[in-house]
Amino acid sequence: MALEAAFGEARTLVTMKHVGLTVAADSLLTAAYTDLAAGLVAVSADDSGMASS
């Protein structure tokens, strides 16, 4: 949704755990080669005390 918002000229910030970034990597890498109409910032966090991920 954040990527679509950036294509639609809205500045976007998206947050996710490291596993979520792995899932979103295909879309984000494709976006790196296209012209976004606005900014997109992706914040990824590590879960250092994780029991599962």
N, C-alpha and C. Protein backbone atom coordinates (compact mmCIF):
# COMPACT_ATOMS: atom_id res chain seq x y z
N MET A 1 0.82 -1.18 0.00
CA MET A 1 0.00 0.00 0.00
C MET A 1 0.87 1.25 0.00
N ALA A 2 1.98 1.19 0.72
CA ALA A 2 2.87 2.35 0.77
C ALA A 2 3.47 2.65 -0.60
N LEU A 3 3.82 1.60 -1.32
CA LEU A 3 4.38 1.79 -2.66
C LEU A 3 3.35 2.40 -3.61
N GLU A 4 2.13 1.92 -3.54
CA GLU A 4 1.06 2.48 -4.37
C GLU A 4 0.80 3.94 -4.02
N ALA A 5 0.87 4.27 -2.75
CA ALA A 5 0.68 5.67 -2.34
C ALA A 5 1.80 6.55 -2.89
N ALA A 6 3.02 6.03 -2.90
CA ALA A 6 4.15 6.79 -3.45
C ALA A 6 4.00 6.99 -4.95
N PHE A 7 3.48 5.98 -5.65
CA PHE A 7 3.19 6.15 -7.08
C PHE A 7 2.08 7.17 -7.29
N GLY A 8 1.20 7.30 -6.32
CA GLY A 8 0.08 8.23 -6.41
C GLY A 8 0.38 9.60 -5.84
N GLU A 9 1.65 9.96 -5.72
CA GLU A 9 2.12 11.29 -5.32
C GLU A 9 1.91 11.60 -3.83
N ALA A 10 1.91 10.59 -2.98
CA ALA A 10 1.84 10.81 -1.53
C ALA A 10 3.17 10.39 -0.91
N ARG A 11 3.74 11.25 -0.08
CA ARG A 11 4.95 10.87 0.63
C ARG A 11 4.60 9.79 1.65
N THR A 12 5.43 8.75 1.72
CA THR A 12 5.06 7.57 2.47
C THR A 12 6.18 7.08 3.37
N LEU A 13 5.80 6.61 4.55
CA LEU A 13 6.71 5.95 5.49
C LEU A 13 6.08 4.62 5.85
N VAL A 14 6.84 3.54 5.71
CA VAL A 14 6.34 2.22 6.05
C VAL A 14 7.32 1.57 7.03
N THR A 15 6.79 0.88 8.04
CA THR A 15 7.63 0.19 9.02
C THR A 15 7.31 -1.30 9.01
N MET A 16 8.33 -2.11 9.27
CA MET A 16 8.13 -3.56 9.31
C MET A 16 9.31 -4.22 10.00
N LYS A 17 9.09 -5.45 10.43
CA LYS A 17 10.19 -6.25 10.96
C LYS A 17 11.06 -6.74 9.81
N HIS A 18 12.20 -7.32 10.14
CA HIS A 18 13.12 -7.77 9.11
C HIS A 18 12.50 -8.84 8.21
N VAL A 19 11.63 -9.67 8.75
CA VAL A 19 10.98 -10.69 7.93
C VAL A 19 10.02 -10.04 6.93
N GLY A 20 9.34 -9.00 7.35
CA GLY A 20 8.45 -8.28 6.44
C GLY A 20 9.20 -7.62 5.30
N LEU A 21 10.38 -7.14 5.59
CA LEU A 21 11.19 -6.53 4.52
C LEU A 21 11.59 -7.57 3.49
N THR A 22 11.87 -8.78 3.93
CA THR A 22 12.18 -9.86 3.00
C THR A 22 11.00 -10.14 2.08
N VAL A 23 9.80 -10.14 2.62
CA VAL A 23 8.59 -10.36 1.82
C VAL A 23 8.37 -9.21 0.84
N ALA A 24 8.61 -7.99 1.28
CA ALA A 24 8.37 -6.80 0.46
C ALA A 24 9.52 -6.49 -0.50
N ALA A 25 10.60 -7.23 -0.44
CA ALA A 25 11.81 -6.91 -1.21
C ALA A 25 11.55 -6.87 -2.72
N ASP A 26 10.77 -7.80 -3.25
CA ASP A 26 10.51 -7.81 -4.70
C ASP A 26 9.89 -6.50 -5.15
N SER A 27 8.90 -6.04 -4.43
CA SER A 27 8.23 -4.79 -4.81
C SER A 27 9.15 -3.60 -4.63
N LEU A 28 9.90 -3.57 -3.55
CA LEU A 28 10.77 -2.42 -3.29
C LEU A 28 11.93 -2.36 -4.29
N LEU A 29 12.47 -3.51 -4.66
CA LEU A 29 13.56 -3.51 -5.64
C LEU A 29 13.06 -3.09 -7.02
N THR A 30 11.85 -3.48 -7.37
CA THR A 30 11.26 -3.02 -8.63
C THR A 30 11.05 -1.52 -8.60
N ALA A 31 10.61 -0.99 -7.46
CA ALA A 31 10.37 0.45 -7.33
C ALA A 31 11.66 1.26 -7.48
N ALA A 32 12.78 0.65 -7.15
CA ALA A 32 14.06 1.36 -7.27
C ALA A 32 14.39 1.70 -8.73
N TYR A 33 13.81 0.95 -9.66
CA TYR A 33 14.08 1.17 -11.08
C TYR A 33 12.96 1.93 -11.79
N THR A 34 11.99 2.41 -11.06
CA THR A 34 10.89 3.16 -11.65
C THR A 34 10.88 4.57 -11.09
N ASP A 35 10.13 5.43 -11.71
CA ASP A 35 10.02 6.81 -11.25
C ASP A 35 8.84 6.95 -10.30
N LEU A 36 9.12 7.12 -9.02
CA LEU A 36 8.06 7.37 -8.06
C LEU A 36 7.69 8.83 -8.10
N ALA A 37 6.44 9.12 -7.92
CA ALA A 37 5.97 10.50 -7.94
C ALA A 37 6.27 11.22 -6.63
N ALA A 38 6.49 10.46 -5.55
CA ALA A 38 6.77 11.05 -4.23
C ALA A 38 7.77 10.17 -3.51
N GLY A 39 8.14 10.59 -2.30
CA GLY A 39 9.14 9.86 -1.53
C GLY A 39 8.57 8.63 -0.83
N LEU A 40 9.41 7.62 -0.67
CA LEU A 40 9.05 6.41 0.06
C LEU A 40 10.21 6.06 0.99
N VAL A 41 9.92 5.98 2.28
CA VAL A 41 10.93 5.60 3.27
C VAL A 41 10.49 4.29 3.90
N ALA A 42 11.37 3.29 3.90
CA ALA A 42 11.08 2.01 4.52
C ALA A 42 11.99 1.86 5.75
N VAL A 43 11.38 1.63 6.90
CA VAL A 43 12.11 1.44 8.14
C VAL A 43 11.97 -0.01 8.55
N SER A 44 13.09 -0.69 8.69
CA SER A 44 13.08 -2.10 9.07
C SER A 44 13.74 -2.24 10.43
N ALA A 45 13.11 -3.05 11.30
CA ALA A 45 13.63 -3.23 12.66
C ALA A 45 13.97 -4.70 12.89
N ASP A 46 14.99 -4.92 13.69
CA ASP A 46 15.36 -6.26 14.09
C ASP A 46 14.59 -6.62 15.36
N ASP A 47 14.30 -7.86 15.53
CA ASP A 47 13.62 -8.34 16.72
C ASP A 47 14.63 -9.18 17.50
N SER A 48 15.43 -8.52 18.31
CA SER A 48 16.56 -9.19 18.95
C SER A 48 16.15 -10.22 19.99
N GLY A 49 14.99 -10.07 20.61
CA GLY A 49 14.54 -11.03 21.61
C GLY A 49 13.48 -11.95 21.09
N MET A 50 13.53 -12.26 19.81
CA MET A 50 12.45 -13.01 19.18
C MET A 50 12.41 -14.46 19.65
N ALA A 51 11.21 -14.98 19.73
CA ALA A 51 11.02 -16.39 20.00
C ALA A 51 10.75 -17.13 18.70
N SER A 52 10.20 -16.42 17.72
CA SER A 52 9.98 -17.00 16.40
C SER A 52 9.87 -15.88 15.39
N SER A 53 10.34 -16.12 14.20
CA SER A 53 10.21 -15.20 13.07
C SER A 53 10.77 -15.85 11.84
